[in-house]
Each structure stands twice: as structure tokens, then as C-alpha cells.
Amino acid sequence: MNNLIHAKCPVCSNSNSSKFKHIGRPELSPKAKTVFKETYQVLKCQNCRFYFVSPQNLTDVEMSKLYDETYFTEMTKWWAKKRDRDRKNRLDKLQECLNQKRIRFLDIGCGEGYVLIEAADRGWEVHGIDVFDNRMQLVKRQEVKFFKGEIKNAHFPDNHFDCIYMDSVLEHLFDPVDYLRELFRITKVGGLIYCVVPNEDSLFNDIKRLLYALSGKGNISERIQPFISPYHVSGFTKKSLSEAALQSGFEVVTMRTFGGQYEILQFRAFTKPFLTNLFLLPIHLMAILMRKQLYLEVILRKNQL
């Protein structure tokens, strides 16, 4: 618990130890136990409701050792169809907000490149960036520009992009505000950032906290899993995501919670994960009414200073 004294919130910069809540120790995968020897803990900043791992002395090299071929899984046909529909709806929404046909577009963490294909088919100027190159052959075409590496090493010009797309990126970063400030620099005035992150205030997490306590695991954090797939080192709520946007210069255009009720589509029928998500379905349906669903979607705008 001594790390509480020296902790600093990566979002609001709060360093008052009385404003941090100890959530618990993060679970460690067998692989993580061979890499990390120090005792870590998950903290919640009471000032902005941001969750983070402490101490923040983890290196990219250490974290990269946790990722292997099992991190990316094959999609079911059901899930692939839903993801395809979601991509179309998201880009429709962004195009409507921008109110323009020709868009200079960047997908951060573009993976296999499904979003890049959808954007290119609309006639946009398309760029992708990722620390790994997992693009499909269809994406490896001249009009889709790709950079392998970190965003700051890409050296994009100031005021360059009309729209930047990030799905499941910020939760993997130790310094989300610094990252958003770099995006602010390369976004045009009036340009948009589309971002999706897990919602740490979800009803599912509340239920998980209760189950942990009842099963004698009350000292284990139910929020963020830095050492177990999918390796989230930062955890956002509506308040902390709004604060991160404010600290980096963006205005929040829209924010909503979504997801959970369709997670069952990821798994083959009657497998263990399928049946588990079938059991969880009533919780996800109740979360819709409570606006405490699994994910947060936010659209940010860079306004004239």
C-alpha cells in the first residue's frame, strides 16, 4: 500500500493519496508471473474516477512479452456480420458529423484492416497505423497508406486529419492524455476523434465485484486486467474519459454506453463461453436500462482555439 503515497493519476494529475481508492491486486497469468516480480495494485482516482495500475514502472518491452498468437481469435460468422454492420454505422455517423464527402482518415490500431477497407470504399484518403502488421492482403493496396510503429514516430503534420478512429486503444496506454494531445496536434480544426473503450462503471463489473467478495477473492481487482488478456492498464468511466478529453483540448460531441447483449455472438453455439454469455444476458439487458453497458463510445471535436 506504500505505492498509494507516490501515485499520480495519469488523467487529472491528482497526487493526493487520500483521493485514491485501493481496488485490489491484479491477477497474473502464468506468463506474467515469469516477467513481473514486483507487487502491483489497481487504484481508482476518486477525483476523476480513472482506474490505473501502480506503480507505473512497466515497460513496453515487458508488456510485449505477454502478447502471443492466442491474443487474436477467429471470429464466428455471426460476430463478423455484426462487426461489419457496426463499422458501416460508425463511419456513417462520422461522415454525417463532418458533413463532407472527401475525408482524410486515420485508423489507429487498424489490425487486419476491416475499417480501412470500409473507409477506402467510400473514397476517403485512408491511413492506418499499428505496432504490428496484421493486415489482410486486400488492404495492402497503394491507396491505403500504412505505418508500422507508434503514433509519435509517424511524424504526421500538424492539422492533418479530418477524422481519427480508435477502437480499443486507450485502455492499453499508460499515458492516455499525452496520447490524446498528440492526436489533437495532428487533427484539423473541426476534425473528429472516434474512440471506444471498456466502461469500468458497467453493471457487469459491479456484479463481478460482488462475486469476487462472496468467493473470497475480495483482494483481487475486478477492474482492468494488466497481466491477463486483454491486458488493459487503464480503465475509463464517463467522468474520466470526459476529463481526458478536456485535458487534451477536445470537446465531447457525444458519449454513450453500449454493448454486452451481443457478446454471445462471438462464440460457437453451446460451447462453454456461449453458455456463460447466455447466463449473463439478463445482466446485459438490465444494463441497457441503467445505461451501464460494457463499452463507452465517444466522439471528440477539435475546435478553434
Foldseek 3Di string as FASTA:
>chain_A
DVQLQQDADLQPRDNPSVQKDWQFWFDADPQLVVLDDDTKTWIAGNVQRKIFIPPPPDDPVSLVSLDDPVQDDDFDPLVVVVVLVVLVVVVVVQCVLLVDQEWAEEEEQCAQPSSVVVCVVSVYQAEYEECDDRHDPVQPDDSYHYDHDDPVVVPAAFQAGQEYEYEADLQQDPNSLVVLLSVLRRHHAFHKYKYKDWACQALVLVVVCVVCVVVVNSNYHSPARCNDPVRGRMHDHPRSVCSSCVSNQWDWPDKAADDLLCPLSRDDPPDPVNVVSVVCNVSQVVRVVVRRHTMMIIMIGHHDD
